[in-house]
């Protein structure tokens, strides 16, 4: 799968969903789910995919996904 979005568009999408609750610089699992369902629906096959994806992205284990961690997903789906 390939996505055609500029770095500015990616940052804007991240910020839009991260601002929904809690820390505006971090995505909760629910925010990540909303972002993926809306922006990249073909990634999410079922809820176990979300759980494993969230664990994979949350490198520091703080229960949230930072923009830097989110960029790993963008790299993965844009290659």
Protein backbone atom coordinates (compact mmCIF):
# COMPACT_ATOMS: atom_id res chain seq x y z
CA UNK A 1 0.00 0.00 0.00
CA UNK A 2 1.24 3.46 -0.75
CA UNK A 3 0.06 6.76 0.67
CA UNK A 4 0.63 10.05 -1.06
CA UNK A 5 0.70 12.69 1.66
CA UNK A 6 3.27 15.35 2.40
CA UNK A 7 5.03 15.48 5.79
CA UNK A 8 2.92 18.55 6.61
CA UNK A 9 -0.30 16.65 5.82
CA UNK A 10 0.82 13.73 7.99
CA UNK A 11 1.60 16.06 10.92
CA UNK A 12 -1.74 17.82 10.48
CA UNK A 13 -3.65 14.51 10.48
CA UNK A 14 -1.78 13.40 13.62
CA UNK A 15 -2.51 16.67 15.44
CA UNK A 16 -6.20 16.61 14.46
CA UNK A 17 -6.71 13.23 16.16
CA UNK A 18 -4.27 13.73 19.05
CA UNK A 19 -6.17 16.87 20.13
CA UNK A 20 -9.40 14.91 20.69
CA UNK A 21 -8.55 13.95 24.28
CA UNK A 22 -5.71 14.15 26.79
CA UNK A 23 -2.26 15.15 25.58
CA UNK A 24 -2.44 16.99 22.23
CA UNK A 25 1.01 15.62 21.31
CA UNK A 26 0.12 11.96 21.87
CA UNK A 27 -2.41 9.53 20.42
CA UNK A 28 -4.32 7.30 22.80
CA UNK A 29 -5.33 3.87 21.51
CA UNK A 30 -8.84 5.21 20.79
CA UNK A 31 -7.47 8.25 18.92
CA UNK A 32 -5.17 6.00 16.89
CA UNK A 33 -8.13 3.78 16.05
CA UNK A 34 -10.18 6.77 14.86
CA UNK A 35 -7.28 8.10 12.81
CA UNK A 36 -6.66 4.77 11.10
CA UNK A 37 -10.36 4.08 10.48
CA UNK A 38 -10.82 7.51 8.91
CA UNK A 39 -7.53 8.07 7.10
CA UNK A 40 -6.09 4.60 6.40
CA UNK A 41 -9.00 2.13 6.67
CA UNK A 42 -7.29 -0.67 4.76
CA UNK A 43 -4.72 -1.10 7.57
CA UNK A 44 -7.23 -2.12 10.22
CA UNK A 45 -8.58 -5.60 9.57
CA UNK A 46 -9.87 -6.30 13.10
CA UNK A 47 -9.38 -5.18 16.69
CA UNK A 48 -6.46 -7.57 17.27
CA UNK A 49 -4.67 -5.76 14.47
CA UNK A 50 -5.17 -2.48 16.36
CA UNK A 51 -3.84 -3.99 19.60
CA UNK A 52 -0.72 -5.40 17.97
CA UNK A 53 -0.20 -2.23 15.93
CA UNK A 54 -0.53 -0.06 19.04
CA UNK A 55 2.00 -2.20 20.94
CA UNK A 56 4.38 -2.06 17.98
CA UNK A 57 4.13 1.74 17.70
CA UNK A 58 4.26 2.49 21.45
CA UNK A 59 8.03 1.94 21.66
CA UNK A 60 8.46 3.52 25.11
CA UNK A 61 5.45 1.72 26.60
CA UNK A 62 3.76 4.84 27.96
CA UNK A 63 0.34 3.83 26.62
CA UNK A 64 0.30 6.56 23.97
CA UNK A 65 1.79 7.06 20.53
CA UNK A 66 3.92 10.15 19.93
CA UNK A 67 4.33 11.72 16.51
CA UNK A 68 7.80 10.16 16.24
CA UNK A 69 6.34 6.73 17.01
CA UNK A 70 3.48 7.37 14.56
CA UNK A 71 5.99 8.12 11.80
CA UNK A 72 7.09 4.46 11.96
CA UNK A 73 3.59 3.49 10.81
CA UNK A 74 3.69 6.04 7.98
CA UNK A 75 7.05 4.68 6.82
CA UNK A 76 5.70 1.14 6.98
CA UNK A 77 2.58 1.87 4.90
CA UNK A 78 4.25 4.18 2.42
CA UNK A 79 6.81 1.67 1.17
